[in-house]
C-alpha cells in the first residue's frame, strides 16, 4: 500500500467516524447539520492519535473557521440544492483533514509548504473581495472574484495532486467550480445584498481584522 493510499485511508476512517457521530447527533437534534459540530468532534477523535490538543487543532478546522463554514452553508442552501451545498462544505472539511494528516506524517515538502502559503495569500484576496463587495456599493466584480478563486484553486491543487487520489483532486475542483459559478456570485453580490450574506461578510471582516484569516 502506497503512502498516498495510507493517507487517504487514515483520513477517510477518521472523517467517517466523526461524520457518523454527527449524523446520530443531528437526528436527535431535529436534523441540524453543522461544520462546527463535525470539526469539534474531529478534534476529539484526533486527540487520542496525535498526542495533544494543539496537534488536533492543526489537523482540522478551528471553531472560527467552522462557524464561517456554517454561515457559508446557510447562504448556499438558499441558492443551490441543499445536498449539493452540504457536500461542498463536507469536501472542504475533508481537504483540511487530509492536508493536516499529510503534515503530521511529514509528507509535505518545502515546495508544498510554499504552495500552501501561496494558497492562503490568494484566498485572502478572495475573502477581502467578498467583504469589499458587501461594504462598498457597486464594487462587485464577478471576473475579479472568479480569477482569484481560480488562482487559489491552482495553488492548492498543486499540493493535492502530488499526495492524494484523483477522487480528492476531483472533489476539490468541484468545490471551486461551484463557488465560481457566475449565477451564484451574481445572486450573492449583484444588486441588493441580503442579510445572510451581510452576516457572513461581517464575520469575515471580524476574523480578517483579528488576523485569523
Protein backbone atom coordinates (compact mmCIF):
# COMPACT_ATOMS: atom_id res chain seq x y z
CA UNK A 1 0.00 0.00 0.00
CA UNK A 2 1.45 3.38 -1.04
CA UNK A 3 1.94 6.31 1.33
CA UNK A 4 -0.74 8.22 -0.60
CA UNK A 5 -3.23 5.40 -0.09
CA UNK A 6 -2.40 5.24 3.61
CA UNK A 7 -3.01 8.98 3.98
CA UNK A 8 -6.35 8.68 2.19
CA UNK A 9 -7.34 5.67 4.31
CA UNK A 10 -6.47 7.29 7.63
CA UNK A 11 -8.26 10.50 6.69
CA UNK A 12 -11.32 8.61 5.47
CA UNK A 13 -11.60 6.47 8.61
CA UNK A 14 -11.31 9.43 10.97
CA UNK A 15 -13.72 11.55 8.93
CA UNK A 16 -16.30 8.77 8.70
CA UNK A 17 -16.17 8.15 12.46
CA UNK A 18 -16.76 11.83 13.10
CA UNK A 19 -19.45 12.16 10.45
CA UNK A 20 -21.35 9.12 11.72
CA UNK A 21 -21.41 10.58 15.23
CA UNK A 22 -22.63 13.88 13.85
CA UNK A 23 -25.42 12.17 11.92
CA UNK A 24 -26.60 10.48 15.13
CA UNK A 25 -26.43 13.78 16.99
CA UNK A 26 -28.18 15.60 14.17
CA UNK A 27 -31.07 13.14 14.10
CA UNK A 28 -31.52 13.64 17.83
CA UNK A 29 -31.47 17.42 17.38
CA UNK A 30 -34.09 17.50 14.64
CA UNK A 31 -31.82 17.11 11.63
CA UNK A 32 -29.45 20.04 12.15
CA UNK A 33 -26.07 19.66 10.47
CA UNK A 34 -23.15 21.98 11.02
CA UNK A 35 -19.45 22.24 10.24
CA UNK A 36 -18.70 23.33 13.80
CA UNK A 37 -20.10 20.08 15.21
CA UNK A 38 -18.08 17.97 12.79
CA UNK A 39 -14.90 19.97 13.37
CA UNK A 40 -15.05 19.87 17.17
CA UNK A 41 -15.77 16.14 17.15
CA UNK A 42 -12.86 15.66 14.76
CA UNK A 43 -10.55 17.37 17.23
CA UNK A 44 -11.67 14.97 19.98
CA UNK A 45 -11.11 12.00 17.66
CA UNK A 46 -7.63 13.19 16.82
CA UNK A 47 -6.59 13.78 20.45
CA UNK A 48 -6.01 10.09 21.07
CA UNK A 49 -3.97 9.78 17.85
CA UNK A 50 -1.72 12.85 17.77
CA UNK A 51 -0.84 13.42 21.41
CA UNK A 52 -2.22 16.84 22.18
CA UNK A 53 -4.90 19.45 21.65
CA UNK A 54 -2.61 21.72 19.63
CA UNK A 55 -1.88 18.91 17.18
CA UNK A 56 -5.58 18.10 16.92
CA UNK A 57 -6.46 21.70 16.14
CA UNK A 58 -3.76 21.74 13.47
CA UNK A 59 -5.40 18.81 11.68
CA UNK A 60 -8.96 20.12 11.45
CA UNK A 61 -10.82 23.41 11.16
CA UNK A 62 -10.78 25.58 14.25
CA UNK A 63 -14.02 26.85 15.77
CA UNK A 64 -13.84 30.22 14.00
CA UNK A 65 -13.40 28.62 10.57
CA UNK A 66 -16.18 26.12 11.30
CA UNK A 67 -18.60 28.92 12.22
CA UNK A 68 -17.75 30.70 8.98
CA UNK A 69 -18.39 27.49 7.04
CA UNK A 70 -21.74 27.12 8.78
CA UNK A 71 -22.76 30.62 7.75
CA UNK A 72 -21.50 29.96 4.22
CA UNK A 73 -23.63 26.82 4.22
CA UNK A 74 -26.68 28.84 5.29
CA UNK A 75 -26.08 31.20 2.37
CA UNK A 76 -25.57 28.35 -0.10
CA UNK A 77 -28.70 26.48 0.95
CA UNK A 78 -30.80 29.40 -0.28
CA UNK A 79 -29.17 29.32 -3.70
CA UNK A 80 -28.20 25.75 -4.59
CA UNK A 81 -29.56 22.31 -3.84
CA UNK A 82 -29.29 21.55 -0.10
CA UNK A 83 -27.43 18.28 -0.68
CA UNK A 84 -25.00 19.95 -3.06
CA UNK A 85 -24.35 22.72 -0.51
CA UNK A 86 -23.69 20.27 2.30
CA UNK A 87 -21.50 18.11 0.06
CA UNK A 88 -19.38 21.15 -0.79
CA UNK A 89 -18.80 22.00 2.87
CA UNK A 90 -18.01 18.36 3.71
CA UNK A 91 -15.43 18.28 0.93
CA UNK A 92 -13.79 21.41 2.38
CA UNK A 93 -13.55 19.72 5.79
CA UNK A 94 -12.18 16.52 4.22
CA UNK A 95 -9.49 18.50 2.41
CA UNK A 96 -8.49 20.25 5.64
CA UNK A 97 -8.28 16.90 7.45
CA UNK A 98 -6.19 15.29 4.69
CA UNK A 99 -3.72 18.16 4.49
CA UNK A 100 -3.41 18.05 8.27
CA UNK A 101 -2.70 14.31 8.14
CA UNK A 102 -0.10 14.89 5.42
CA UNK A 103 1.66 17.42 7.62
CA UNK A 104 1.51 15.12 10.63
CA UNK A 105 3.23 12.36 8.64
CA UNK A 106 5.91 14.75 7.39
CA UNK A 107 4.77 14.28 3.79
CA UNK A 108 4.75 17.96 2.83
CA UNK A 109 7.90 19.21 1.11
CA UNK A 110 9.23 22.75 1.17
CA UNK A 111 7.58 23.23 -2.24
CA UNK A 112 4.26 22.03 -0.79
CA UNK A 113 4.52 24.47 2.11
CA UNK A 114 5.26 27.31 -0.31
CA UNK A 115 2.23 26.32 -2.38
CA UNK A 116 0.04 26.29 0.73
CA UNK A 117 1.37 29.71 1.70
CA UNK A 118 0.52 30.94 -1.81
CA UNK A 119 -2.96 29.47 -1.46
CA UNK A 120 -3.51 31.26 1.85
CA UNK A 121 -2.37 34.55 0.31
CA UNK A 122 -4.56 34.17 -2.77
CA UNK A 123 -7.58 33.01 -0.81
CA UNK A 124 -7.10 36.00 1.49
CA UNK A 125 -7.65 38.10 -1.64
CA UNK A 126 -10.92 36.23 -2.25
CA UNK A 127 -12.12 36.93 1.29
CA UNK A 128 -11.14 40.59 1.13
CA UNK A 129 -13.04 40.93 -2.16
CA UNK A 130 -16.16 39.35 -0.65
CA UNK A 131 -16.07 41.80 2.25
CA UNK A 132 -15.48 44.74 -0.08
CA UNK A 133 -18.40 43.78 -2.32
CA UNK A 134 -20.68 43.82 0.72
CA UNK A 135 -19.33 47.02 2.26
CA UNK A 136 -18.87 49.19 -0.84
CA UNK A 137 -21.80 49.75 -3.16
CA UNK A 138 -21.33 48.93 -6.86
CA UNK A 139 -17.89 47.39 -6.23
CA UNK A 140 -18.86 43.87 -7.28
CA UNK A 141 -16.61 42.45 -9.99
CA UNK A 142 -17.50 38.90 -10.99
CA UNK A 143 -14.46 38.40 -13.20
CA UNK A 144 -12.03 39.51 -10.49
CA UNK A 145 -13.53 37.10 -7.97
CA UNK A 146 -13.56 34.20 -10.44
CA UNK A 147 -9.90 34.85 -11.30
CA UNK A 148 -8.96 34.96 -7.60
CA UNK A 149 -10.80 31.70 -6.96
CA UNK A 150 -9.07 30.08 -9.94
CA UNK A 151 -5.65 31.18 -8.69
CA UNK A 152 -6.45 29.86 -5.21
CA UNK A 153 -7.51 26.54 -6.66
CA UNK A 154 -4.34 26.19 -8.71
CA UNK A 155 -2.12 26.72 -5.66
CA UNK A 156 -3.97 24.15 -3.58
CA UNK A 157 -4.33 21.73 -6.49
CA UNK A 158 -0.55 21.53 -6.88
CA UNK A 159 -0.31 20.06 -3.36
CA UNK A 160 -3.34 17.77 -3.59
CA UNK A 161 -2.26 16.31 -6.95
CA UNK A 162 1.11 15.27 -5.53
CA UNK A 163 -0.25 13.47 -2.50
CA UNK A 164 -3.91 12.49 -2.74
CA UNK A 165 -6.13 10.43 -5.01
CA UNK A 166 -7.69 11.51 -8.29
CA UNK A 167 -11.02 11.48 -6.47
CA UNK A 168 -9.75 14.03 -3.95
CA UNK A 169 -8.44 16.20 -6.78
CA UNK A 170 -11.83 15.97 -8.50
CA UNK A 171 -13.70 16.87 -5.32
CA UNK A 172 -11.50 19.92 -4.82
CA UNK A 173 -12.16 21.00 -8.39
CA UNK A 174 -15.88 20.58 -7.76
CA UNK A 175 -15.75 22.85 -4.71
CA UNK A 176 -14.11 25.66 -6.66
CA UNK A 177 -16.35 25.09 -9.68
CA UNK A 178 -19.48 25.61 -7.59
CA UNK A 179 -18.02 28.59 -5.75
CA UNK A 180 -17.07 30.21 -9.08
CA UNK A 181 -20.44 29.89 -10.79
CA UNK A 182 -21.35 33.23 -12.30
CA UNK A 183 -25.04 32.92 -11.44
CA UNK A 184 -24.20 32.07 -7.83
CA UNK A 185 -21.80 35.00 -7.45
CA UNK A 186 -24.34 37.36 -9.06
CA UNK A 187 -27.03 36.19 -6.66
CA UNK A 188 -24.72 36.95 -3.74
CA UNK A 189 -23.30 40.33 -4.67
CA UNK A 190 -25.12 41.90 -7.62
CA UNK A 191 -27.77 44.37 -6.55
CA UNK A 192 -29.14 44.34 -3.02
CA UNK A 193 -27.09 42.09 -0.75
CA UNK A 194 -29.32 40.09 1.59
CA UNK A 195 -28.92 39.78 5.35
CA UNK A 196 -27.42 36.29 5.42
CA UNK A 197 -24.65 37.36 3.03
CA UNK A 198 -24.07 40.53 5.05
CA UNK A 199 -23.79 38.42 8.20
CA UNK A 200 -21.15 36.26 6.51
CA UNK A 201 -19.31 39.41 5.45
CA UNK A 202 -19.34 40.80 8.99
CA UNK A 203 -17.98 37.51 10.33
CA UNK A 204 -15.22 37.55 7.72
CA UNK A 205 -14.37 41.16 8.49
CA UNK A 206 -14.04 40.37 12.18
CA UNK A 207 -11.68 37.45 11.55
CA UNK A 208 -9.67 39.40 8.97
CA UNK A 209 -9.25 42.31 11.36
CA UNK A 210 -8.04 39.90 14.03
CA UNK A 211 -5.51 38.49 11.60
CA UNK A 212 -7.03 35.00 11.77
CA UNK A 213 -7.66 34.63 8.03
